[in-house]
Amino acid sequence: MSAISNPALLPPGAAPAPGSVRTPTSVRTPGTPATPGAGSGAPTQPFADVLKGVQGGVEGSAQPGHAGQLHFSRHALQRVERRGVALDAATLGRLHEGVGRAAGKGSRASVVLVDGTAFVVSVTNKTVLTAVPQEHMKEQVFTNIDSAVIA
């Protein structure tokens, strides 16, 4: 059994076995960014900058003049970055298409599944509320949604 690096990921009521919790080898101080894609050769550009570029410079909540644009809430941006969800132009395009299909059916809040990642989206505001990759979906319950879309 592999060591668990984060005890918060244990199921409720399960206590870590003695010596199974690894302590981090390096500690980030508050306010310093995490090293994105460490060791994977991934670009070191902050995720928010990459997303901004893909979205055409629009960040956060809906802004006037961008009615068809899909936005990410601050919470969703944090989840995407922390959980290492890969977002490229193709993935964002499929997500936007899935939101469009949900809107066409009259949905207000939807879970859009794209390549094993669940995006909880406010369809009426065209805002991604959170993102959950497949490895974090065990025992998850999505509430207050009225549709699910596989994009």
Protein backbone atom coordinates (compact mmCIF):
# COMPACT_ATOMS: atom_id res chain seq x y z
CA MET A 1 0.00 0.00 0.00
CA SER A 2 1.42 3.40 -0.92
CA ALA A 3 1.89 6.17 1.59
CA ILE A 4 -0.76 8.87 1.69
CA SER A 5 0.70 12.33 1.34
CA ASN A 6 -2.43 14.13 2.52
CA PRO A 7 -4.43 12.74 5.45
CA ALA A 8 -7.39 14.89 4.37
CA LEU A 9 -7.86 12.49 1.44
CA LEU A 10 -8.63 9.55 3.75
CA PRO A 11 -12.25 8.38 3.92
CA PRO A 12 -14.20 9.61 6.94
CA GLY A 13 -13.43 7.57 10.06
CA ALA A 14 -10.26 6.02 8.63
CA ALA A 15 -7.12 6.77 10.58
CA PRO A 16 -3.76 6.64 8.82
CA ALA A 17 -1.54 3.70 9.72
CA PRO A 18 1.48 4.70 11.81
CA GLY A 19 4.29 5.79 9.52
CA SER A 20 2.08 5.87 6.40
CA VAL A 21 1.71 9.64 6.26
CA ARG A 22 4.61 11.23 4.47
CA THR A 23 5.79 14.65 5.48
CA PRO A 24 6.48 17.08 2.66
CA THR A 25 10.11 17.53 1.70
CA SER A 26 9.59 21.19 0.93
CA VAL A 27 7.16 23.64 2.45
CA ARG A 28 5.64 26.59 0.65
CA THR A 29 5.19 29.78 2.57
CA PRO A 30 1.80 31.49 2.24
CA GLY A 31 1.66 33.78 -0.76
CA THR A 32 4.20 31.87 -2.84
CA PRO A 33 2.79 30.02 -5.83
CA ALA A 34 3.02 26.26 -6.10
CA THR A 35 5.39 24.92 -8.70
CA PRO A 36 3.03 23.95 -11.52
CA GLY A 37 3.87 20.73 -13.33
CA ALA A 38 7.01 20.13 -11.28
CA GLY A 39 9.11 17.48 -12.94
CA SER A 40 6.69 17.00 -15.83
CA GLY A 41 8.19 19.52 -18.24
CA ALA A 42 4.92 21.47 -18.17
CA PRO A 43 5.05 25.23 -18.68
CA THR A 44 5.61 27.22 -15.51
CA GLN A 45 3.19 29.98 -16.47
CA PRO A 46 0.54 30.52 -13.74
CA PHE A 47 -2.74 28.76 -14.49
CA ALA A 48 -4.77 31.98 -14.21
CA ASP A 49 -2.64 33.54 -16.98
CA VAL A 50 -3.11 30.51 -19.22
CA LEU A 51 -6.86 30.52 -18.63
CA LYS A 52 -7.01 34.25 -19.26
CA GLY A 53 -5.31 33.74 -22.61
CA VAL A 54 -7.68 30.94 -23.59
CA GLN A 55 -10.71 32.97 -22.55
CA GLY A 56 -9.56 36.06 -24.41
CA GLY A 57 -8.54 38.03 -21.32
CA VAL A 58 -11.80 37.65 -19.41
CA GLU A 59 -11.42 36.31 -15.86
CA GLY A 60 -13.75 35.60 -12.95
CA SER A 61 -17.40 36.50 -13.02
CA ALA A 62 -19.47 37.48 -16.02
CA GLN A 63 -18.74 40.85 -17.55
CA PRO A 64 -20.95 42.93 -19.85
CA GLY A 65 -20.29 42.30 -23.52
CA HIS A 66 -19.18 38.69 -23.03
CA ALA A 67 -22.57 36.99 -22.87
CA GLY A 68 -21.48 33.82 -24.73
CA GLN A 69 -18.19 33.50 -22.82
CA LEU A 70 -17.68 30.75 -20.25
CA HIS A 71 -16.22 32.00 -16.96
CA PHE A 72 -14.54 30.29 -14.00
CA SER A 73 -15.34 31.30 -10.44
CA ARG A 74 -12.43 31.96 -8.09
CA HIS A 75 -13.23 28.66 -6.34
CA ALA A 76 -13.15 26.77 -9.64
CA LEU A 77 -9.80 28.34 -10.56
CA GLN A 78 -8.36 27.23 -7.22
CA ARG A 79 -9.71 23.68 -7.64
CA VAL A 80 -8.41 23.37 -11.19
CA GLU A 81 -4.97 24.56 -10.19
CA ARG A 82 -4.77 22.55 -6.95
CA ARG A 83 -6.06 19.33 -8.47
CA GLY A 84 -3.96 19.63 -11.62
CA VAL A 85 -6.87 19.55 -14.06
CA ALA A 86 -5.52 19.96 -17.60
CA LEU A 87 -7.43 22.61 -19.52
CA ASP A 88 -6.54 23.17 -23.13
CA ALA A 89 -8.46 24.83 -25.94
CA ALA A 90 -10.09 21.55 -26.99
CA THR A 91 -11.26 20.74 -23.44
CA LEU A 92 -12.62 24.25 -22.92
CA GLY A 93 -14.37 24.04 -26.29
CA ARG A 94 -16.08 20.78 -25.33
CA LEU A 95 -17.00 22.24 -21.93
CA HIS A 96 -18.52 25.31 -23.60
CA GLU A 97 -20.38 23.06 -26.05
CA GLY A 98 -21.75 20.96 -23.17
CA VAL A 99 -22.94 24.09 -21.35
CA GLY A 100 -24.62 25.19 -24.57
CA ARG A 101 -26.43 21.86 -24.86
CA ALA A 102 -27.58 22.12 -21.23
CA ALA A 103 -28.83 25.66 -21.86
CA GLY A 104 -30.71 24.44 -24.93
CA LYS A 105 -32.62 22.01 -22.71
CA GLY A 106 -33.49 24.72 -20.17
CA SER A 107 -31.02 23.65 -17.47
CA ARG A 108 -30.00 26.08 -14.76
CA ALA A 109 -27.20 24.11 -13.06
CA SER A 110 -25.41 21.16 -14.59
CA VAL A 111 -22.54 18.72 -14.19
CA VAL A 112 -20.62 18.60 -17.46
CA LEU A 113 -18.30 15.58 -17.81
CA VAL A 114 -15.29 16.14 -20.06
CA ASP A 115 -12.57 13.46 -20.27
CA GLY A 116 -13.20 12.13 -16.75
CA THR A 117 -13.43 15.57 -15.11
CA ALA A 118 -16.75 16.80 -13.73
CA PHE A 119 -17.38 20.53 -14.03
CA VAL A 120 -20.28 21.91 -11.98
CA VAL A 121 -21.61 24.83 -14.00
CA SER A 122 -24.20 27.55 -13.46
CA VAL A 123 -25.72 27.38 -16.93
CA THR A 124 -27.71 30.60 -16.52
CA ASN A 125 -24.54 32.58 -15.63
CA LYS A 126 -22.22 30.50 -17.85
CA THR A 127 -19.90 30.13 -14.85
CA VAL A 128 -17.91 27.04 -13.87
CA LEU A 129 -18.38 26.67 -10.11
CA THR A 130 -15.96 23.79 -9.43
CA ALA A 131 -14.01 21.02 -11.13
CA VAL A 132 -13.53 17.48 -9.85
CA PRO A 133 -11.12 15.12 -11.64
CA GLN A 134 -11.90 11.41 -11.74
CA GLU A 135 -9.46 10.48 -8.95
CA HIS A 136 -11.32 12.82 -6.55
CA MET A 137 -14.84 11.65 -7.46
CA LYS A 138 -15.08 8.70 -5.06
CA GLU A 139 -17.97 9.15 -2.67
CA GLN A 140 -18.84 12.58 -4.10
CA VAL A 141 -22.41 13.83 -4.22
CA PHE A 142 -23.35 16.62 -6.60
CA THR A 143 -26.31 18.56 -5.24
CA ASN A 144 -28.49 21.36 -6.61
CA ILE A 145 -28.08 20.37 -10.24
CA ASP A 146 -30.84 19.69 -12.73
CA SER A 147 -28.87 18.01 -15.51
CA ALA A 148 -25.74 16.12 -16.44
CA VAL A 149 -24.00 16.41 -19.81
CA ILE A 150 -21.33 14.14 -21.25
CA ALA A 151 -19.32 16.33 -23.59
